[in-house]
N, C-alpha and C. Protein backbone atom coordinates (compact mmCIF):
# COMPACT_ATOMS: atom_id res chain seq x y z
N MET A 1 0.85 -0.86 0.13
CA MET A 1 0.06 0.08 0.16
C MET A 1 1.00 1.64 -0.08
N LEU A 2 2.00 1.27 0.75
CA LEU A 2 2.75 2.58 0.86
C LEU A 2 3.74 2.47 -0.38
N CYS A 3 4.14 1.68 -0.87
CA CYS A 3 4.76 1.88 -2.56
C CYS A 3 3.84 2.13 -3.50
N ARG A 4 2.51 2.02 -3.53
CA ARG A 4 1.45 2.07 -4.39
C ARG A 4 1.50 3.75 -4.14
N TRP A 5 1.25 4.32 -3.12
CA TRP A 5 1.20 6.08 -2.66
C TRP A 5 2.11 6.59 -2.81
N ILE A 6 3.73 5.82 -2.97
CA ILE A 6 4.56 6.72 -3.20
C ILE A 6 4.49 6.78 -4.54
N ARG A 7 4.53 5.56 -5.03
CA ARG A 7 4.29 5.57 -6.61
C ARG A 7 3.24 6.51 -7.02
N GLN A 8 1.89 6.73 -6.72
CA GLN A 8 1.52 7.55 -7.40
C GLN A 8 1.77 9.13 -7.14
N ALA A 9 2.16 9.01 -5.79
CA ALA A 9 2.64 10.36 -5.41
C ALA A 9 4.00 11.21 -6.67
N ARG A 10 4.72 10.64 -6.94
CA ARG A 10 5.40 10.82 -8.10
C ARG A 10 5.42 11.18 -9.24
N GLN A 11 4.35 10.22 -9.46
CA GLN A 11 3.68 10.48 -10.96
C GLN A 11 2.80 11.52 -10.73
N SER A 12 1.85 12.06 -9.72
CA SER A 12 1.15 13.58 -10.06
C SER A 12 2.29 14.70 -9.70
N ILE A 13 3.48 14.26 -8.84
CA ILE A 13 4.48 15.36 -9.29
C ILE A 13 5.01 15.54 -10.71
N GLY A 14 5.05 14.19 -11.34
CA GLY A 14 6.24 14.50 -12.23
C GLY A 14 7.50 15.88 -12.45
N ALA A 15 7.62 16.67 -13.84
CA ALA A 15 8.23 17.24 -13.84
C ALA A 15 8.01 18.72 -13.45
N SER A 16 7.37 18.99 -12.77
CA SER A 16 6.80 19.92 -12.38
C SER A 16 7.65 20.79 -11.58
N LEU A 17 8.04 20.25 -10.82
CA LEU A 17 8.98 20.47 -9.46
C LEU A 17 10.76 21.08 -10.25
N PRO A 18 11.22 22.22 -9.64
CA PRO A 18 12.34 22.59 -10.21
C PRO A 18 13.62 21.65 -9.57
N PRO A 19 14.98 21.32 -9.79
CA PRO A 19 15.78 20.30 -9.53
C PRO A 19 16.06 20.77 -8.20
N PHE A 20 15.93 21.54 -7.70
CA PHE A 20 15.66 21.43 -5.98
C PHE A 20 15.05 22.37 -5.56
N PRO A 21 13.98 22.23 -5.04
CA PRO A 21 12.84 23.04 -4.47
C PRO A 21 13.33 24.06 -3.75
N GLY A 22 12.66 25.18 -4.05
CA GLY A 22 13.23 26.36 -3.29
C GLY A 22 13.94 27.59 -4.01
N HIS A 23 14.96 27.24 -4.54
CA HIS A 23 16.26 28.01 -5.28
C HIS A 23 15.92 28.12 -6.61
N GLY A 24 15.50 26.46 -7.12
CA GLY A 24 15.70 26.50 -8.60
C GLY A 24 17.12 25.97 -9.12
N ARG A 25 18.00 25.85 -8.01
CA ARG A 25 19.34 25.41 -8.63
C ARG A 25 19.58 23.89 -8.48
N PRO A 26 20.05 23.19 -9.59
CA PRO A 26 20.75 22.43 -9.54
C PRO A 26 20.75 21.36 -8.32
N ARG A 27 20.89 20.12 -8.02
CA ARG A 27 21.57 19.89 -6.82
C ARG A 27 22.72 19.60 -6.56
N GLY A 28 23.62 19.51 -7.59
CA GLY A 28 24.47 19.51 -6.90
C GLY A 28 25.31 20.84 -6.80
N GLU A 29 25.12 21.89 -7.86
CA GLU A 29 25.31 23.21 -7.32
C GLU A 29 24.84 23.77 -5.52
N GLU A 30 24.12 23.47 -5.50
CA GLU A 30 23.69 23.44 -4.30
C GLU A 30 24.27 22.92 -2.74
N LEU A 31 24.75 21.31 -3.21
CA LEU A 31 25.38 20.66 -2.07
C LEU A 31 26.52 21.36 -2.23
N THR A 32 27.40 21.73 -3.17
CA THR A 32 28.81 22.31 -3.35
C THR A 32 28.44 23.34 -2.62
N ARG A 33 27.76 24.27 -2.92
CA ARG A 33 27.45 25.45 -1.94
C ARG A 33 27.44 25.33 -0.58
N LEU A 34 26.85 24.40 -0.02
CA LEU A 34 26.33 24.06 1.24
C LEU A 34 27.65 23.35 2.00
N ARG A 35 28.31 22.81 1.11
CA ARG A 35 29.76 22.06 1.51
C ARG A 35 30.84 23.14 1.86
N LYS A 36 30.92 23.96 1.10
CA LYS A 36 31.72 25.45 1.23
C LYS A 36 31.52 26.10 2.47
N GLU A 37 30.12 26.70 2.47
CA GLU A 37 29.35 27.28 3.40
C GLU A 37 29.94 26.35 5.23
N ASN A 38 29.67 25.28 4.87
CA ASN A 38 30.07 24.59 6.14
C ASN A 38 31.22 24.58 6.08
N LYS A 39 32.42 24.17 5.48
CA LYS A 39 33.79 23.92 5.67
C LYS A 39 34.06 25.44 6.40
N ALA A 40 33.61 26.73 5.65
CA ALA A 40 33.92 28.10 6.21
C ALA A 40 33.59 28.16 7.58
N LEU A 41 32.05 27.71 7.96
CA LEU A 41 31.52 27.30 10.24
C LEU A 41 32.81 26.49 10.67
N ARG A 42 32.89 26.01 10.17
CA ARG A 42 33.75 24.75 11.10
C ARG A 42 34.83 25.37 11.16
N THR A 43 35.97 25.81 10.53
CA THR A 43 36.96 26.75 10.38
C THR A 43 36.55 27.82 11.46
N ALA A 44 35.89 28.86 11.54
CA ALA A 44 35.10 29.66 12.02
C ALA A 44 35.17 29.27 13.71
N ASN A 45 34.63 28.19 13.54
CA ASN A 45 34.47 27.09 14.99
C ASN A 45 35.54 27.01 15.60
N GLU A 46 36.17 26.40 14.73
CA GLU A 46 37.53 25.97 15.62
C GLU A 46 38.28 27.19 16.06
N THR A 47 38.59 27.77 15.19
CA THR A 47 39.21 29.33 15.45
C THR A 47 38.81 30.01 16.75
N LEU A 48 37.19 30.27 17.06
CA LEU A 48 36.37 30.37 18.30
C LEU A 48 36.71 29.78 19.41
N LYS A 49 36.93 28.09 19.28
CA LYS A 49 37.63 27.17 20.22
C LYS A 49 38.97 27.76 20.99
N LYS A 50 39.14 28.02 19.66
CA LYS A 50 40.80 28.56 20.32
C LYS A 50 41.22 29.37 21.33
N ALA A 51 40.22 30.51 21.07
CA ALA A 51 40.77 31.97 21.46
C ALA A 51 39.90 31.29 22.52
N ALA A 52 38.87 31.06 22.61
CA ALA A 52 38.35 30.35 24.03
C ALA A 52 39.24 30.08 25.18
N VAL A 53 40.31 29.57 25.05
CA VAL A 53 41.29 28.05 25.54
C VAL A 53 41.80 29.35 26.40
N ILE A 54 42.28 29.96 24.81
CA ILE A 54 43.10 31.21 25.34
C ILE A 54 42.86 32.40 25.97
N PHE A 55 41.75 32.65 26.09
CA PHE A 55 41.32 33.90 27.06
C PHE A 55 40.61 33.03 28.03
N ALA A 56 40.34 31.51 28.09
CA ALA A 56 39.81 31.45 29.89
C ALA A 56 41.61 30.72 30.86
N ARG A 57 42.24 30.93 29.96
CA ARG A 57 43.66 30.88 31.06
C ARG A 57 44.01 32.23 31.52
N GLY A 58 43.51 33.38 30.99
CA GLY A 58 43.99 34.79 31.38
C GLY A 58 44.19 35.03 30.82
N GLU A 59 44.65 36.58 30.77
CA GLU A 59 44.93 37.48 29.76
C GLU A 59 46.91 37.59 29.81
N PRO A 60 47.49 36.92 29.05
CA PRO A 60 48.90 37.50 28.96
C PRO A 60 49.15 38.61 29.42
N GLN A 61 50.48 39.04 29.64
CA GLN A 61 51.25 40.43 30.14
C GLN A 61 50.93 41.28 28.92
N GLN A 62 51.57 41.02 27.71
CA GLN A 62 51.25 41.72 26.84
C GLN A 62 50.57 42.49 26.00
N TRP A 63 49.52 41.64 26.16
CA TRP A 63 47.91 42.05 25.77
C TRP A 63 46.95 43.36 26.92
N ARG A 64 47.72 43.43 28.17
CA ARG A 64 47.01 44.40 28.88
C ARG A 64 47.40 45.73 28.78
N ALA A 65 46.02 46.28 28.76
CA ALA A 65 45.80 48.03 28.57
C ALA A 65 46.93 48.36 29.58
N THR A 66 47.73 49.42 29.52
CA THR A 66 48.63 50.32 30.83
C THR A 66 47.71 50.90 30.83
N SER A 67 47.73 51.59 32.20
CA SER A 67 46.86 52.67 33.04
C SER A 67 47.66 53.86 32.83
C-alpha cells in the first residue's frame, strides 16, 4: 500500500518541480555551496574554540592595557 502511494505521488508530481525545490538550482550546485559554507563555519568554530581557551587561561601580560 505504501509503495503504491509513493508511486502515485511521484507520478502526480512529475516534472513540475524544479531540480532543487526552493531555489531552482541543480542539486549538485546547491550541495557544493553548502559544503563550502559548512567548511567555512567549521573553520570559524575551531578558531573561536582556540580563542576561548586562550582567554580562559588569563590575559597575557603583553595584551593588558596600560593605565
